[in-house]
Amino acid sequence: MHDFGSFTTTFRFSGGEDDTIGPDAEFTKYTISPAMSLTDNLAFLAEYSYSDYEGNGGVESASYLAAQVVFTF
């Protein structure tokens, strides 16, 4: 069976305020990002983030999904 190399996962939690939107505008963001080294020269990374907004007078939440393939030589 082929050895696919290393597998890692990053978890992030962040939050903050944005006074340019409103006096009580706040956000909380959760992110998970697994990555796998497929070969010595090829890696794949995915990232999913969920943001929760409060006090901005509009959007309550948002999700983001990204993928990246990295080739080194």
PDB file of N, CA and C in Angstrom:
ATOM      1  N   MET A   1       0.844  -1.182   0.000  1.00  0.00           N
ATOM      2  CA  MET A   1       0.000   0.000   0.000  1.00  0.00           C
ATOM      3  C   MET A   1       0.886   1.242   0.000  1.00  0.00           C
ATOM      4  N   HIS A   2       0.484   2.246  -0.779  1.00  0.00           N
ATOM      5  CA  HIS A   2       1.262   3.478  -0.898  1.00  0.00           C
ATOM      6  C   HIS A   2       1.157   4.311   0.378  1.00  0.00           C
ATOM      7  N   ASP A   3       2.288   4.845   0.822  1.00  0.00           N
ATOM      8  CA  ASP A   3       2.308   5.744   1.976  1.00  0.00           C
ATOM      9  C   ASP A   3       2.072   7.163   1.481  1.00  0.00           C
ATOM     10  N   PHE A   4       0.976   7.781   1.929  1.00  0.00           N
ATOM     11  CA  PHE A   4       0.626   9.118   1.479  1.00  0.00           C
ATOM     12  C   PHE A   4       1.318  10.221   2.264  1.00  0.00           C
ATOM     13  N   GLY A   5       2.264   9.901   3.091  1.00  0.00           N
ATOM     14  CA  GLY A   5       2.996  10.940   3.817  1.00  0.00           C
ATOM     15  C   GLY A   5       2.251  11.427   5.036  1.00  0.00           C
ATOM     16  N   SER A   6       2.450  12.688   5.328  1.00  0.00           N
ATOM     17  CA  SER A   6       1.913  13.224   6.580  1.00  0.00           C
ATOM     18  C   SER A   6       0.541  13.855   6.397  1.00  0.00           C
ATOM     19  N   PHE A   7      -0.200  13.864   7.487  1.00  0.00           N
ATOM     20  CA  PHE A   7      -1.522  14.465   7.548  1.00  0.00           C
ATOM     21  C   PHE A   7      -1.555  15.383   8.763  1.00  0.00           C
ATOM     22  N   THR A   8      -1.985  16.602   8.581  1.00  0.00           N
ATOM     23  CA  THR A   8      -2.088  17.546   9.690  1.00  0.00           C
ATOM     24  C   THR A   8      -3.443  18.241   9.644  1.00  0.00           C
ATOM     25  N   THR A   9      -3.854  18.770  10.774  1.00  0.00           N
ATOM     26  CA  THR A   9      -5.089  19.541  10.854  1.00  0.00           C
ATOM     27  C   THR A   9      -4.865  20.751  11.735  1.00  0.00           C
ATOM     28  N   THR A  10      -5.361  21.884  11.275  1.00  0.00           N
ATOM     29  CA  THR A  10      -5.296  23.126  12.042  1.00  0.00           C
ATOM     30  C   THR A  10      -6.696  23.532  12.445  1.00  0.00           C
ATOM     31  N   PHE A  11      -6.856  23.922  13.702  1.00  0.00           N
ATOM     32  CA  PHE A  11      -8.113  24.466  14.197  1.00  0.00           C
ATOM     33  C   PHE A  11      -7.852  25.897  14.656  1.00  0.00           C
ATOM     34  N   ARG A  12      -8.734  26.818  14.261  1.00  0.00           N
ATOM     35  CA  ARG A  12      -8.581  28.210  14.693  1.00  0.00           C
ATOM     36  C   ARG A  12      -9.909  28.734  15.213  1.00  0.00           C
ATOM     37  N   PHE A  13      -9.814  29.624  16.196  1.00  0.00           N
ATOM     38  CA  PHE A  13     -10.965  30.324  16.747  1.00  0.00           C
ATOM     39  C   PHE A  13     -10.568  31.785  16.870  1.00  0.00           C
ATOM     40  N   SER A  14     -11.374  32.674  16.316  1.00  0.00           N
ATOM     41  CA  SER A  14     -11.059  34.101  16.400  1.00  0.00           C
ATOM     42  C   SER A  14     -12.345  34.897  16.549  1.00  0.00           C
ATOM     43  N   GLY A  15     -12.197  36.124  16.945  1.00  0.00           N
ATOM     44  CA  GLY A  15     -13.342  37.003  17.104  1.00  0.00           C
ATOM     45  C   GLY A  15     -12.887  38.438  17.197  1.00  0.00           C
ATOM     46  N   GLY A  16     -13.844  39.341  17.075  1.00  0.00           N
ATOM     47  CA  GLY A  16     -13.485  40.744  17.166  1.00  0.00           C
ATOM     48  C   GLY A  16     -14.686  41.649  17.019  1.00  0.00           C
ATOM     49  N   GLU A  17     -14.399  42.927  16.974  1.00  0.00           N
ATOM     50  CA  GLU A  17     -15.419  43.960  16.827  1.00  0.00           C
ATOM     51  C   GLU A  17     -15.082  44.820  15.620  1.00  0.00           C
ATOM     52  N   ASP A  18     -16.115  45.402  15.003  1.00  0.00           N
ATOM     53  CA  ASP A  18     -15.909  46.299  13.868  1.00  0.00           C
ATOM     54  C   ASP A  18     -16.774  47.535  14.063  1.00  0.00           C
ATOM     55  N   ASP A  19     -16.185  48.584  14.606  1.00  0.00           N
ATOM     56  CA  ASP A  19     -16.924  49.814  14.886  1.00  0.00           C
ATOM     57  C   ASP A  19     -17.293  50.580  13.628  1.00  0.00           C
ATOM     58  N   THR A  20     -16.717  50.227  12.472  1.00  0.00           N
ATOM     59  CA  THR A  20     -17.083  50.912  11.236  1.00  0.00           C
ATOM     60  C   THR A  20     -18.454  50.478  10.738  1.00  0.00           C
ATOM     61  N   ILE A  21     -18.932  49.304  11.166  1.00  0.00           N
ATOM     62  CA  ILE A  21     -20.251  48.803  10.776  1.00  0.00           C
ATOM     63  C   ILE A  21     -21.315  49.300  11.754  1.00  0.00           C
ATOM     64  N   GLY A  22     -21.021  49.251  13.024  1.00  0.00           N
ATOM     65  CA  GLY A  22     -21.961  49.675  14.058  1.00  0.00           C
ATOM     66  C   GLY A  22     -21.300  49.606  15.413  1.00  0.00           C
ATOM     67  N   PRO A  23     -21.895  50.238  16.400  1.00  0.00           N
ATOM     68  CA  PRO A  23     -21.261  50.284  17.727  1.00  0.00           C
ATOM     69  C   PRO A  23     -21.196  48.928  18.429  1.00  0.00           C
ATOM     70  N   ASP A  24     -22.066  47.994  18.049  1.00  0.00           N
ATOM     71  CA  ASP A  24     -22.103  46.682  18.692  1.00  0.00           C
ATOM     72  C   ASP A  24     -21.780  45.539  17.731  1.00  0.00           C
ATOM     73  N   ALA A  25     -21.170  45.835  16.581  1.00  0.00           N
ATOM     74  CA  ALA A  25     -20.891  44.807  15.579  1.00  0.00           C
ATOM     75  C   ALA A  25     -19.745  43.913  16.057  1.00  0.00           C
ATOM     76  N   GLU A  26     -20.018  42.611  16.137  1.00  0.00           N
ATOM     77  CA  GLU A  26     -19.032  41.626  16.579  1.00  0.00           C
ATOM     78  C   GLU A  26     -19.081  40.407  15.673  1.00  0.00           C
ATOM     79  N   PHE A  27     -17.990  39.654  15.639  1.00  0.00           N
ATOM     80  CA  PHE A  27     -17.977  38.400  14.889  1.00  0.00           C
ATOM     81  C   PHE A  27     -17.192  37.355  15.659  1.00  0.00           C
ATOM     82  N   THR A  28     -17.556  36.103  15.416  1.00  0.00           N
ATOM     83  CA  THR A  28     -16.831  34.942  15.927  1.00  0.00           C
ATOM     84  C   THR A  28     -16.604  34.017  14.742  1.00  0.00           C
ATOM     85  N   LYS A  29     -15.372  33.530  14.590  1.00  0.00           N
ATOM     86  CA  LYS A  29     -15.030  32.702  13.441  1.00  0.00           C
ATOM     87  C   LYS A  29     -14.379  31.402  13.899  1.00  0.00           C
ATOM     88  N   TYR A  30     -14.855  30.280  13.334  1.00  0.00           N
ATOM     89  CA  TYR A  30     -14.328  28.947  13.614  1.00  0.00           C
ATOM     90  C   TYR A  30     -13.770  28.389  12.299  1.00  0.00           C
ATOM     91  N   THR A  31     -12.572  27.822  12.338  1.00  0.00           N
ATOM     92  CA  THR A  31     -11.950  27.302  11.124  1.00  0.00           C
ATOM     93  C   THR A  31     -11.322  25.943  11.389  1.00  0.00           C
ATOM     94  N   ILE A  32     -11.475  25.040  10.416  1.00  0.00           N
ATOM     95  CA  ILE A  32     -10.773  23.760  10.422  1.00  0.00           C
ATOM     96  C   ILE A  32     -10.080  23.631   9.062  1.00  0.00           C
ATOM     97  N   SER A  33      -8.827  23.191   9.100  1.00  0.00           N
ATOM     98  CA  SER A  33      -8.041  23.127   7.872  1.00  0.00           C
ATOM     99  C   SER A  33      -7.160  21.878   7.848  1.00  0.00           C
ATOM    100  N   PRO A  34      -7.645  20.790   7.246  1.00  0.00           N
ATOM    101  CA  PRO A  34      -6.800  19.599   7.109  1.00  0.00           C
ATOM    102  C   PRO A  34      -5.865  19.725   5.902  1.00  0.00           C
ATOM    103  N   ALA A  35      -4.692  19.130   6.013  1.00  0.00           N
ATOM    104  CA  ALA A  35      -3.713  19.139   4.925  1.00  0.00           C
ATOM    105  C   ALA A  35      -3.057  17.768   4.837  1.00  0.00           C
ATOM    106  N   MET A  36      -2.737  17.368   3.619  1.00  0.00           N
ATOM    107  CA  MET A  36      -2.103  16.071   3.419  1.00  0.00           C
ATOM    108  C   MET A  36      -0.993  16.198   2.391  1.00  0.00           C
ATOM    109  N   SER A  37       0.136  15.630   2.712  1.00  0.00           N
ATOM    110  CA  SER A  37       1.250  15.553   1.780  1.00  0.00           C
ATOM    111  C   SER A  37       1.062  14.284   0.951  1.00  0.00           C
ATOM    112  N   LEU A  38       0.774  14.450  -0.334  1.00  0.00           N
ATOM    113  CA  LEU A  38       0.513  13.299  -1.198  1.00  0.00           C
ATOM    114  C   LEU A  38       1.808  12.643  -1.678  1.00  0.00           C
ATOM    115  N   THR A  39       2.784  13.469  -2.010  1.00  0.00           N
ATOM    116  CA  THR A  39       4.116  12.992  -2.395  1.00  0.00           C
ATOM    117  C   THR A  39       5.125  13.975  -1.805  1.00  0.00           C
ATOM    118  N   ASP A  40       6.412  13.766  -2.103  1.00  0.00           N
ATOM    119  CA  ASP A  40       7.431  14.710  -1.639  1.00  0.00           C
ATOM    120  C   ASP A  40       7.244  16.093  -2.248  1.00  0.00           C
ATOM    121  N   ASN A  41       6.594  16.160  -3.400  1.00  0.00           N
ATOM    122  CA  ASN A  41       6.449  17.424  -4.116  1.00  0.00           C
ATOM    123  C   ASN A  41       5.006  17.908  -4.265  1.00  0.00           C
ATOM    124  N   LEU A  42       4.056  17.207  -3.705  1.00  0.00           N
ATOM    125  CA  LEU A  42       2.659  17.564  -3.908  1.00  0.00           C
ATOM    126  C   LEU A  42       1.873  17.461  -2.600  1.00  0.00           C
ATOM    127  N   ALA A  43       1.169  18.536  -2.273  1.00  0.00           N
ATOM    128  CA  ALA A  43       0.353  18.564  -1.054  1.00  0.00           C
ATOM    129  C   ALA A  43      -1.021  19.144  -1.370  1.00  0.00           C
ATOM    130  N   PHE A  44      -2.002  18.775  -0.579  1.00  0.00           N
ATOM    131  CA  PHE A  44      -3.372  19.261  -0.725  1.00  0.00           C
ATOM    132  C   PHE A  44      -3.828  19.825   0.612  1.00  0.00           C
ATOM    133  N   LEU A  45      -4.464  20.984   0.568  1.00  0.00           N
ATOM    134  CA  LEU A  45      -4.967  21.635   1.774  1.00  0.00           C
ATOM    135  C   LEU A  45      -6.395  22.089   1.524  1.00  0.00           C
ATOM    136  N   ALA A  46      -7.272  21.875   2.490  1.00  0.00           N
ATOM    137  CA  ALA A  46      -8.651  22.360   2.424  1.00  0.00           C
ATOM    138  C   ALA A  46      -8.911  23.195   3.673  1.00  0.00           C
ATOM    139  N   GLU A  47      -9.835  24.138   3.560  1.00  0.00           N
ATOM    140  CA  GLU A  47     -10.161  24.975   4.716  1.00  0.00           C
ATOM    141  C   GLU A  47     -11.648  25.294   4.711  1.00  0.00           C
ATOM    142  N   TYR A  48     -12.282  25.119   5.862  1.00  0.00           N
ATOM    143  CA  TYR A  48     -13.691  25.491   6.036  1.00  0.00           C
ATOM    144  C   TYR A  48     -13.773  26.441   7.222  1.00  0.00           C
ATOM    145  N   SER A  49     -14.433  27.571   7.006  1.00  0.00           N
ATOM    146  CA  SER A  49     -14.620  28.558   8.067  1.00  0.00           C
ATOM    147  C   SER A  49     -16.096  28.897   8.202  1.00  0.00           C
ATOM    148  N   TYR A  50     -16.532  29.039   9.435  1.00  0.00           N
ATOM    149  CA  TYR A  50     -17.893  29.478   9.738  1.00  0.00           C
ATOM    150  C   TYR A  50     -17.793  30.735  10.591  1.00  0.00           C
ATOM    151  N   SER A  51     -18.462  31.799  10.158  1.00  0.00           N
ATOM    152  CA  SER A  51     -18.455  33.060  10.897  1.00  0.00           C
ATOM    153  C   SER A  51     -19.864  33.379  11.379  1.00  0.00           C
ATOM    154  N   ASP A  52     -19.949  33.830  12.613  1.00  0.00           N
ATOM    155  CA  ASP A  52     -21.218  34.226  13.231  1.00  0.00           C
ATOM    156  C   ASP A  52     -21.129  35.722  13.529  1.00  0.00           C
ATOM    157  N   TYR A  53     -22.086  36.501  13.001  1.00  0.00           N
ATOM    158  CA  TYR A  53     -22.068  37.944  13.159  1.00  0.00           C
ATOM    159  C   TYR A  53     -23.195  38.395  14.085  1.00  0.00           C
ATOM    160  N   GLU A  54     -22.913  39.403  14.888  1.00  0.00           N
ATOM    161  CA  GLU A  54     -23.922  39.979  15.778  1.00  0.00           C
ATOM    162  C   GLU A  54     -23.846  41.498  15.708  1.00  0.00           C
ATOM    163  N   GLY A  55     -25.009  42.153  15.699  1.00  0.00           N
ATOM    164  CA  GLY A  55     -25.063  43.603  15.773  1.00  0.00           C
ATOM    165  C   GLY A  55     -24.636  44.338  14.523  1.00  0.00           C
ATOM    166  N   ASN A  56     -24.622  43.651  13.373  1.00  0.00           N
ATOM    167  CA  ASN A  56     -24.204  44.347  12.163  1.00  0.00           C
ATOM    168  C   ASN A  56     -25.383  44.797  11.309  1.00  0.00           C
ATOM    169  N   GLY A  57     -26.596  44.452  11.711  1.00  0.00           N
ATOM    170  CA  GLY A  57     -27.786  44.887  10.988  1.00  0.00           C
ATOM    171  C   GLY A  57     -28.005  44.201   9.653  1.00  0.00           C
ATOM    172  N   GLY A  58     -27.369  43.066   9.427  1.00  0.00           N
ATOM    173  CA  GLY A  58     -27.526  42.385   8.134  1.00  0.00           C
ATOM    174  C   GLY A  58     -27.291  40.899   8.243  1.00  0.00           C
ATOM    175  N   VAL A  59     -26.210  40.444   7.692  1.00  0.00           N
ATOM    176  CA  VAL A  59     -25.880  39.013   7.631  1.00  0.00           C
ATOM    177  C   VAL A  59     -25.665  38.467   9.038  1.00  0.00           C
ATOM    178  N   GLU A  60     -26.260  37.301   9.327  1.00  0.00           N
ATOM    179  CA  GLU A  60     -26.106  36.678  10.647  1.00  0.00           C
ATOM    180  C   GLU A  60     -24.973  35.668  10.688  1.00  0.00           C
ATOM    181  N   SER A  61     -24.709  34.997   9.541  1.00  0.00           N
ATOM    182  CA  SER A  61     -23.633  34.005   9.506  1.00  0.00           C
ATOM    183  C   SER A  61     -23.164  33.819   8.065  1.00  0.00           C
ATOM    184  N   ALA A  62     -21.983  33.231   7.936  1.00  0.00           N
ATOM    185  CA  ALA A  62     -21.432  32.956   6.605  1.00  0.00           C
ATOM    186  C   ALA A  62     -20.487  31.767   6.701  1.00  0.00           C
ATOM    187  N   SER A  63     -20.405  31.003   5.604  1.00  0.00           N
ATOM    188  CA  SER A  63     -19.489  29.875   5.514  1.00  0.00           C
ATOM    189  C   SER A  63     -18.561  30.084   4.331  1.00  0.00           C
ATOM    190  N   TYR A  64     -17.321  29.652   4.489  1.00  0.00           N
ATOM    191  CA  TYR A  64     -16.325  29.773   3.440  1.00  0.00           C
ATOM    192  C   TYR A  64     -15.631  28.433   3.276  1.00  0.00           C
ATOM    193  N   LEU A  65     -15.376  28.058   2.036  1.00  0.00           N
ATOM    194  CA  LEU A  65     -14.688  26.815   1.728  1.00  0.00           C
ATOM    195  C   LEU A  65     -13.594  27.117   0.703  1.00  0.00           C
ATOM    196  N   ALA A  66     -12.399  26.613   0.961  1.00  0.00           N
ATOM    197  CA  ALA A  66     -11.279  26.835   0.047  1.00  0.00           C
ATOM    198  C   ALA A  66     -10.467  25.552  -0.076  1.00  0.00           C
ATOM    199  N   ALA A  67      -9.781  25.408  -1.199  1.00  0.00           N
ATOM    200  CA  ALA A  67      -8.890  24.270  -1.428  1.00  0.00           C
ATOM    201  C   ALA A  67      -7.630  24.784  -2.109  1.00  0.00           C
ATOM    202  N   GLN A  68      -6.521  24.135  -1.808  1.00  0.00           N
ATOM    203  CA  GLN A  68      -5.239  24.556  -2.379  1.00  0.00           C
ATOM    204  C   GLN A  68      -4.415  23.315  -2.673  1.00  0.00           C
ATOM    205  N   VAL A  69      -3.802  23.305  -3.853  1.00  0.00           N
ATOM    206  CA  VAL A  69      -2.846  22.272  -4.224  1.00  0.00           C
ATOM    207  C   VAL A  69      -1.485  22.946  -4.331  1.00  0.00           C
ATOM    208  N   VAL A  70      -0.501  22.397  -3.639  1.00  0.00           N
ATOM    209  CA  VAL A  70       0.841  22.997  -3.615  1.00  0.00           C
ATOM    210  C   VAL A  70       1.821  22.026  -4.264  1.00  0.00           C
ATOM    211  N   PHE A  71       2.489  22.504  -5.287  1.00  0.00           N
ATOM    212  CA  PHE A  71       3.521  21.717  -5.964  1.00  0.00           C
ATOM    213  C   PHE A  71       4.858  22.407  -5.750  1.00  0.00           C
ATOM    214  N   THR A  72       5.840  21.697  -5.232  1.00  0.00           N
ATOM    215  CA  THR A  72       7.171  22.252  -5.019  1.00  0.00           C
ATOM    216  C   THR A  72       8.180  21.520  -5.884  1.00  0.00           C
ATOM    217  N   PHE A  73       9.220  22.228  -6.257  1.00  0.00           N
ATOM    218  CA  PHE A  73      10.279  21.607  -7.064  1.00  0.00           C
ATOM    219  C   PHE A  73      11.617  22.211  -6.737  1.00  0.00           C
TER     220      PHE A  73
END
